[in-house]
Each structure stands twice: as C-alpha cells, then as structure tokens.
C-alpha cells in the first residue's frame, strides 16, 4: 500500500512583469503552506519523499512545508510537472523512488485536479465531490493506492482518503 499526497502550491502573487514560472507566494500562501504541513504531520501522513515543480511558487511552498512537517524529507525538483497534464505528472510519480511509501507531489492545477479524479475513482463521496468542484491553492488530496511500486500507478487504482483545503482545516 502506497499513499500519494497531491498538494497544490499555496496562493501565489501576480506581480506585473513577472513570468508565470517566477511568480512568488502571496501573504496568504505563506500562511497556508505551513498550516497544511502541520495538518499533514498531525494526521500521520509524513511523506518520505517529495517531488516539487520547478516553479518559484511550488519551491516556496515546499520551503515552508518541509520544516513544518517536523521530520526531514528528501525531495527532487521536477521541471516536467510545471503546469503539466496528468500524464506528465503520472510519469514523474512512476519515476519516484520505489522504496518511498508516502509520496508528496507539489504542483499545479488543472493537472492535479484531473490526475486526482483519474486515479481516485473510489473513496469518500463528499471529498470526491469537493475535489471535482474546486481544487484550491494549498488543497491536499490524499490517495491510497494498493500497489507495490510507484510505477504500478494507473488510472482507477486509487481511493480518495481525504481532500483538505485551508478553509476546511479544523
């Protein structure tokens, strides 16, 4: 059994003249990222590896998330998941270290929303409905996969365990 955590980057700013790839986090994003990480740690979802898009806002999200997890987590920056389609994100997941049991991926929409819906065809009905309605910044989909290797992930193999957003945090 593997656990996939799909964390959309926290809220970003839109400074004039800044390329999309280089947009930084907004104040709200800097507040939400550590809150989501604290929740991840609190409910026992400590990742043992992280894949992070090369965009500035995802790297800044990871810089705020990792220390709040309470335990070190190796990571890899993956340029191919920046603004990617589900197939590209899935390819990055397939290449993740096979010994990893809980994989955190920090990236973007609409790819995350589409990938989560494609993988998790079962699970908490309310969470699935909320995920399909809107996958906001700093939204976290927790998908359980009955597989042995990340390379075994295919559409329909997951169960959506939970979908949490900063607004739904306890």
Protein backbone atom coordinates (compact mmCIF):
# COMPACT_ATOMS: atom_id res chain seq x y z
CA UNK A 1 0.00 0.00 0.00
CA UNK A 2 1.31 3.42 -1.01
CA UNK A 3 -0.03 6.88 -0.17
CA UNK A 4 0.08 9.75 -2.64
CA UNK A 5 -0.26 13.31 -1.37
CA UNK A 6 -1.09 15.82 -4.10
CA UNK A 7 -0.56 19.30 -2.65
CA UNK A 8 -1.35 22.19 -4.93
CA UNK A 9 1.04 25.13 -4.40
CA UNK A 10 -0.10 27.75 -1.92
CA UNK A 11 -1.66 31.05 -3.08
CA UNK A 12 0.67 32.98 -5.35
CA UNK A 13 1.04 36.64 -6.17
CA UNK A 14 0.67 38.12 -9.65
CA UNK A 15 3.37 40.81 -9.79
CA UNK A 16 3.35 42.83 -13.01
CA UNK A 17 6.09 41.91 -15.45
CA UNK A 18 6.94 38.61 -13.75
CA UNK A 19 6.87 35.46 -15.85
CA UNK A 20 4.35 32.82 -14.66
CA UNK A 21 7.15 30.37 -13.72
CA UNK A 22 8.71 33.00 -11.45
CA UNK A 23 5.61 34.14 -9.54
CA UNK A 24 6.19 34.14 -5.74
CA UNK A 25 3.78 33.21 -2.98
CA UNK A 26 1.31 35.79 -1.72
CA UNK A 27 0.97 36.54 2.00
CA UNK A 28 -1.98 34.11 2.21
CA UNK A 29 0.17 31.41 0.62
CA UNK A 30 2.93 31.96 3.17
CA UNK A 31 0.33 31.49 5.92
CA UNK A 32 -1.45 28.47 4.38
CA UNK A 33 1.56 26.32 3.42
CA UNK A 34 2.83 25.69 6.99
CA UNK A 35 -0.76 25.16 8.21
CA UNK A 36 -1.28 22.41 5.64
CA UNK A 37 2.07 20.85 6.58
CA UNK A 38 1.17 20.89 10.26
CA UNK A 39 -2.07 19.10 9.39
CA UNK A 40 -0.19 16.51 7.33
CA UNK A 41 2.07 15.82 10.31
CA UNK A 42 -0.79 15.86 12.82
CA UNK A 43 -2.77 13.16 10.99
CA UNK A 44 0.31 10.96 10.46
CA UNK A 45 0.81 11.42 6.72
CA UNK A 46 4.55 12.17 6.94
CA UNK A 47 5.96 11.88 3.40
CA UNK A 48 9.24 10.08 2.90
CA UNK A 49 9.92 11.70 -0.47
CA UNK A 50 8.71 14.83 -2.29
CA UNK A 51 8.53 15.77 -5.95
CA UNK A 52 8.31 19.53 -6.45
CA UNK A 53 7.59 21.50 -9.61
CA UNK A 54 10.35 23.88 -10.66
CA UNK A 55 8.09 26.97 -10.43
CA UNK A 56 9.04 29.52 -7.80
CA UNK A 57 5.65 29.28 -6.04
CA UNK A 58 5.96 25.49 -5.62
CA UNK A 59 9.54 25.74 -4.40
CA UNK A 60 8.49 28.42 -1.89
CA UNK A 61 5.57 26.23 -0.81
CA UNK A 62 7.97 23.32 -0.22
CA UNK A 63 10.38 25.59 1.70
CA UNK A 64 7.53 26.38 4.12
CA UNK A 65 6.05 22.87 4.21
CA UNK A 66 9.15 20.80 4.91
CA UNK A 67 10.16 22.38 8.26
CA UNK A 68 6.54 22.28 9.47
CA UNK A 69 6.37 18.52 8.86
CA UNK A 70 8.64 18.01 11.86
CA UNK A 71 10.82 15.44 10.09
CA UNK A 72 13.29 15.80 7.22
CA UNK A 73 12.03 14.65 3.83
CA UNK A 74 14.27 14.26 0.78
CA UNK A 75 12.98 16.00 -2.32
CA UNK A 76 13.57 16.40 -6.01
CA UNK A 77 12.72 19.36 -8.22
CA UNK A 78 10.97 18.11 -11.36
CA UNK A 79 10.62 20.62 -14.19
CA UNK A 80 8.23 18.36 -16.13
CA UNK A 81 5.41 18.78 -13.59
CA UNK A 82 5.27 22.56 -14.01
CA UNK A 83 1.81 23.35 -15.44
CA UNK A 84 1.68 19.71 -16.60
CA UNK A 85 -1.05 17.48 -17.93
CA UNK A 86 -1.93 14.43 -15.79
CA UNK A 87 0.21 12.11 -17.97
CA UNK A 88 3.37 14.12 -17.25
CA UNK A 89 2.67 14.19 -13.51
CA UNK A 90 1.99 10.46 -13.58
CA UNK A 91 5.32 9.88 -15.38
CA UNK A 92 7.11 11.74 -12.58
CA UNK A 93 5.28 9.62 -9.99
CA UNK A 94 6.29 6.44 -11.86
CA UNK A 95 9.93 7.55 -11.59
CA UNK A 96 9.76 8.26 -7.83
CA UNK A 97 11.95 6.15 -5.55
CA UNK A 98 10.20 2.79 -5.30
CA UNK A 99 11.08 2.39 -1.61
CA UNK A 100 9.07 5.52 -0.79
CA UNK A 101 5.77 4.65 0.90
CA UNK A 102 4.26 8.14 1.15
CA UNK A 103 4.99 10.43 -1.76
CA UNK A 104 4.24 14.16 -1.67
CA UNK A 105 3.91 15.93 -5.03
CA UNK A 106 3.66 19.74 -5.07
CA UNK A 107 2.37 21.15 -8.33
CA UNK A 108 -0.39 22.91 -10.19
CA UNK A 109 -3.94 22.88 -11.46
CA UNK A 110 -5.67 21.86 -13.63
CA UNK A 111 -3.30 18.88 -13.83
CA UNK A 112 -3.69 17.96 -10.16
CA UNK A 113 -7.48 18.06 -10.20
CA UNK A 114 -7.59 15.96 -13.36
CA UNK A 115 -5.00 13.46 -12.09
CA UNK A 116 -6.71 13.05 -8.71
CA UNK A 117 -10.07 12.43 -10.38
CA UNK A 118 -8.46 9.99 -12.80
CA UNK A 119 -6.66 7.99 -10.10
CA UNK A 120 -9.22 8.03 -7.28
CA UNK A 121 -12.47 6.68 -8.62
CA UNK A 122 -13.49 5.42 -5.18
CA UNK A 123 -13.41 6.83 -1.67
CA UNK A 124 -15.11 9.44 0.44
CA UNK A 125 -18.03 10.67 -1.71
CA UNK A 126 -18.07 14.13 -0.11
CA UNK A 127 -14.33 14.55 -0.65
CA UNK A 128 -14.61 13.41 -4.28
CA UNK A 129 -17.43 15.92 -4.87
CA UNK A 130 -15.46 18.79 -3.34
CA UNK A 131 -12.34 17.87 -5.30
CA UNK A 132 -14.25 17.84 -8.59
CA UNK A 133 -15.89 21.18 -7.77
CA UNK A 134 -12.71 23.10 -6.96
CA UNK A 135 -9.07 22.24 -6.15
CA UNK A 136 -7.98 25.49 -4.49
CA UNK A 137 -4.45 26.60 -3.77
CA UNK A 138 -2.88 24.60 -0.92
CA UNK A 139 -5.54 21.92 -1.47
CA UNK A 140 -4.41 18.42 -0.50
CA UNK A 141 -5.71 15.17 -1.99
CA UNK A 142 -4.73 12.02 -0.09
CA UNK A 143 -4.95 8.98 -2.34
CA UNK A 144 -4.36 5.42 -1.11
CA UNK A 145 -3.03 3.01 -3.72
CA UNK A 146 -3.00 -0.76 -3.36
CA UNK A 147 0.27 -1.15 -5.27
CA UNK A 148 3.84 -2.24 -4.54
CA UNK A 149 5.71 0.19 -6.80
CA UNK A 150 5.03 3.75 -7.93
CA UNK A 151 5.45 2.52 -11.48
CA UNK A 152 2.24 0.49 -10.95
CA UNK A 153 0.04 3.60 -10.61
CA UNK A 154 -2.62 3.64 -13.33
CA UNK A 155 -6.00 5.35 -13.63
CA UNK A 156 -8.63 3.94 -11.28
CA UNK A 157 -6.17 2.32 -8.84
CA UNK A 158 -6.65 4.83 -6.04
CA UNK A 159 -9.06 5.56 -3.25
CA UNK A 160 -9.52 9.18 -2.19
CA UNK A 161 -9.00 9.07 1.55
CA UNK A 162 -9.46 12.80 2.10
CA UNK A 163 -9.46 16.16 0.42
CA UNK A 164 -8.44 19.02 2.67
CA UNK A 165 -8.14 22.73 1.95
CA UNK A 166 -7.02 25.60 4.17
CA UNK A 167 -10.70 26.58 4.60
CA UNK A 168 -11.68 23.06 5.74
CA UNK A 169 -8.89 22.65 8.27
CA UNK A 170 -10.16 22.06 11.78
